[in-house]
Amino acid sequence: MENKEQVTALLDYMYKHNRSHEAELVKMAEKLKSLGHEAESAKVSEAQSCFAKGNELLSEALSQLKS
């Protein structure tokens, strides 16, 4: 990474990639809950919340870089 544009492009890729994982975690939590694994579902939901917070921060950083 040589410059701001390259860093921004990589950060944008990582943000989008993480968003897809976040969506997968929601589905996993729902599936676990439907299978009767409430405690495990809760842990996955908690992890998804952490992903959401991280993605929010990445989004804010990207907005600042692009302005």
N, C-alpha and C. Protein backbone atom coordinates (compact mmCIF):
# COMPACT_ATOMS: atom_id res chain seq x y z
N MET A 1 0.85 -1.16 0.00
CA MET A 1 0.00 0.00 0.00
C MET A 1 0.90 1.23 0.00
N GLU A 2 0.77 1.95 -1.04
CA GLU A 2 1.67 3.08 -1.26
C GLU A 2 1.05 4.44 -0.95
N ASN A 3 -0.29 4.52 -1.02
CA ASN A 3 -0.90 5.83 -0.89
C ASN A 3 -2.31 5.71 -0.30
N LYS A 4 -2.91 6.85 -0.06
CA LYS A 4 -4.24 6.92 0.54
C LYS A 4 -5.28 6.15 -0.28
N GLU A 5 -5.21 6.25 -1.60
CA GLU A 5 -6.19 5.58 -2.46
C GLU A 5 -6.11 4.07 -2.32
N GLN A 6 -4.91 3.54 -2.24
CA GLN A 6 -4.75 2.10 -2.08
C GLN A 6 -5.24 1.63 -0.71
N VAL A 7 -4.91 2.39 0.31
CA VAL A 7 -5.38 2.05 1.66
C VAL A 7 -6.91 2.12 1.71
N THR A 8 -7.48 3.14 1.11
CA THR A 8 -8.93 3.29 1.09
C THR A 8 -9.58 2.13 0.34
N ALA A 9 -9.01 1.73 -0.78
CA ALA A 9 -9.56 0.62 -1.56
C ALA A 9 -9.53 -0.68 -0.75
N LEU A 10 -8.43 -0.93 -0.07
CA LEU A 10 -8.32 -2.14 0.75
C LEU A 10 -9.31 -2.09 1.91
N LEU A 11 -9.42 -0.96 2.56
CA LEU A 11 -10.34 -0.81 3.67
C LEU A 11 -11.79 -1.00 3.20
N ASP A 12 -12.11 -0.48 2.03
CA ASP A 12 -13.44 -0.65 1.46
C ASP A 12 -13.72 -2.13 1.19
N TYR A 13 -12.75 -2.83 0.63
CA TYR A 13 -12.90 -4.27 0.40
C TYR A 13 -13.14 -5.01 1.71
N MET A 14 -12.33 -4.70 2.72
CA MET A 14 -12.45 -5.37 4.01
C MET A 14 -13.81 -5.10 4.64
N TYR A 15 -14.28 -3.87 4.53
CA TYR A 15 -15.60 -3.51 5.06
C TYR A 15 -16.69 -4.35 4.40
N LYS A 16 -16.68 -4.41 3.08
CA LYS A 16 -17.70 -5.17 2.35
C LYS A 16 -17.61 -6.66 2.68
N HIS A 17 -16.40 -7.16 2.79
CA HIS A 17 -16.18 -8.57 3.12
C HIS A 17 -16.73 -8.87 4.52
N ASN A 18 -16.44 -8.00 5.46
CA ASN A 18 -16.94 -8.18 6.83
C ASN A 18 -18.46 -8.13 6.90
N ARG A 19 -19.06 -7.27 6.07
CA ARG A 19 -20.53 -7.17 6.05
C ARG A 19 -21.14 -8.51 5.63
N SER A 20 -20.52 -9.19 4.69
CA SER A 20 -21.05 -10.49 4.27
C SER A 20 -20.95 -11.50 5.41
N HIS A 21 -19.86 -11.46 6.16
CA HIS A 21 -19.73 -12.36 7.31
C HIS A 21 -20.76 -12.02 8.39
N GLU A 22 -21.00 -10.76 8.57
CA GLU A 22 -22.00 -10.34 9.55
C GLU A 22 -23.37 -10.94 9.20
N ALA A 23 -23.74 -10.88 7.94
CA ALA A 23 -25.02 -11.45 7.50
C ALA A 23 -25.05 -12.97 7.71
N GLU A 24 -23.92 -13.63 7.48
CA GLU A 24 -23.85 -15.08 7.70
C GLU A 24 -24.04 -15.42 9.18
N LEU A 25 -23.49 -14.60 10.04
CA LEU A 25 -23.62 -14.85 11.48
C LEU A 25 -25.07 -14.73 11.93
N VAL A 26 -25.81 -13.80 11.36
CA VAL A 26 -27.24 -13.67 11.69
C VAL A 26 -27.96 -14.97 11.34
N LYS A 27 -27.69 -15.49 10.16
CA LYS A 27 -28.32 -16.74 9.73
C LYS A 27 -27.92 -17.91 10.62
N MET A 28 -26.65 -17.96 11.00
CA MET A 28 -26.18 -19.04 11.88
C MET A 28 -26.87 -18.99 13.23
N ALA A 29 -26.99 -17.79 13.78
CA ALA A 29 -27.65 -17.64 15.08
C ALA A 29 -29.10 -18.10 15.00
N GLU A 30 -29.78 -17.72 13.93
CA GLU A 30 -31.17 -18.13 13.75
C GLU A 30 -31.29 -19.65 13.63
N LYS A 31 -30.37 -20.26 12.89
CA LYS A 31 -30.39 -21.71 12.71
C LYS A 31 -30.13 -22.41 14.02
N LEU A 32 -29.12 -21.95 14.75
CA LEU A 32 -28.83 -22.55 16.05
C LEU A 32 -30.03 -22.46 16.99
N LYS A 33 -30.68 -21.31 16.99
CA LYS A 33 -31.85 -21.14 17.84
C LYS A 33 -32.95 -22.11 17.43
N SER A 34 -33.17 -22.26 16.13
CA SER A 34 -34.23 -23.17 15.66
C SER A 34 -33.90 -24.63 15.98
N LEU A 35 -32.62 -24.94 16.17
CA LEU A 35 -32.21 -26.29 16.52
C LEU A 35 -32.18 -26.52 18.03
N GLY A 36 -32.57 -25.50 18.78
CA GLY A 36 -32.64 -25.63 20.23
C GLY A 36 -31.34 -25.30 20.96
N HIS A 37 -30.42 -24.69 20.29
CA HIS A 37 -29.13 -24.32 20.91
C HIS A 37 -29.16 -22.84 21.27
N GLU A 38 -29.94 -22.51 22.28
CA GLU A 38 -30.16 -21.12 22.68
C GLU A 38 -28.87 -20.42 23.12
N ALA A 39 -28.09 -21.09 23.97
CA ALA A 39 -26.87 -20.47 24.50
C ALA A 39 -25.87 -20.20 23.37
N GLU A 40 -25.72 -21.15 22.49
CA GLU A 40 -24.79 -20.99 21.37
C GLU A 40 -25.28 -19.90 20.42
N SER A 41 -26.58 -19.87 20.19
CA SER A 41 -27.17 -18.83 19.36
C SER A 41 -26.90 -17.45 19.94
N ALA A 42 -27.02 -17.33 21.25
CA ALA A 42 -26.77 -16.05 21.91
C ALA A 42 -25.31 -15.62 21.73
N LYS A 43 -24.38 -16.56 21.82
CA LYS A 43 -22.97 -16.24 21.63
C LYS A 43 -22.70 -15.78 20.20
N VAL A 44 -23.29 -16.45 19.23
CA VAL A 44 -23.10 -16.07 17.84
C VAL A 44 -23.73 -14.69 17.60
N SER A 45 -24.88 -14.44 18.21
CA SER A 45 -25.52 -13.13 18.08
C SER A 45 -24.64 -12.04 18.69
N GLU A 46 -24.01 -12.36 19.80
CA GLU A 46 -23.09 -11.41 20.43
C GLU A 46 -21.90 -11.13 19.50
N ALA A 47 -21.37 -12.17 18.88
CA ALA A 47 -20.27 -12.00 17.93
C ALA A 47 -20.72 -11.14 16.75
N GLN A 48 -21.93 -11.36 16.28
CA GLN A 48 -22.47 -10.57 15.17
C GLN A 48 -22.56 -9.11 15.56
N SER A 49 -22.94 -8.84 16.80
CA SER A 49 -23.00 -7.46 17.28
C SER A 49 -21.61 -6.81 17.27
N CYS A 50 -20.59 -7.58 17.61
CA CYS A 50 -19.22 -7.08 17.57
C CYS A 50 -18.81 -6.78 16.13
N PHE A 51 -19.18 -7.66 15.20
CA PHE A 51 -18.91 -7.40 13.79
C PHE A 51 -19.60 -6.11 13.36
N ALA A 52 -20.86 -5.94 13.79
CA ALA A 52 -21.63 -4.75 13.41
C ALA A 52 -20.94 -3.48 13.91
N LYS A 53 -20.45 -3.51 15.14
CA LYS A 53 -19.76 -2.34 15.69
C LYS A 53 -18.47 -2.07 14.92
N GLY A 54 -17.71 -3.12 14.63
CA GLY A 54 -16.49 -2.95 13.86
C GLY A 54 -16.78 -2.40 12.47
N ASN A 55 -17.84 -2.89 11.86
CA ASN A 55 -18.20 -2.41 10.52
C ASN A 55 -18.64 -0.96 10.57
N GLU A 56 -19.31 -0.57 11.63
CA GLU A 56 -19.70 0.83 11.79
C GLU A 56 -18.46 1.73 11.85
N LEU A 57 -17.47 1.29 12.60
CA LEU A 57 -16.23 2.08 12.73
C LEU A 57 -15.48 2.13 11.40
N LEU A 58 -15.44 0.99 10.68
CA LEU A 58 -14.81 0.99 9.36
C LEU A 58 -15.53 1.94 8.41
N SER A 59 -16.84 1.94 8.47
CA SER A 59 -17.63 2.82 7.61
C SER A 59 -17.32 4.29 7.91
N GLU A 60 -17.21 4.61 9.19
CA GLU A 60 -16.89 5.99 9.56
C GLU A 60 -15.50 6.37 9.06
N ALA A 61 -14.53 5.47 9.20
CA ALA A 61 -13.18 5.75 8.71
C ALA A 61 -13.18 5.95 7.20
N LEU A 62 -13.93 5.10 6.49
CA LEU A 62 -14.02 5.24 5.03
C LEU A 62 -14.65 6.57 4.64
N SER A 63 -15.70 6.96 5.33
CA SER A 63 -16.34 8.23 5.03
C SER A 63 -15.37 9.40 5.20
N GLN A 64 -14.59 9.33 6.26
CA GLN A 64 -13.62 10.40 6.50
C GLN A 64 -12.53 10.40 5.44
N LEU A 65 -12.08 9.22 5.04
CA LEU A 65 -11.04 9.14 4.01
C LEU A 65 -11.53 9.64 2.66
N LYS A 66 -12.79 9.39 2.37
CA LYS A 66 -13.34 9.76 1.06
C LYS A 66 -13.78 11.22 0.98
N SER A 67 -13.80 11.91 2.10
CA SER A 67 -14.25 13.32 2.06
C SER A 67 -13.10 14.29 1.83
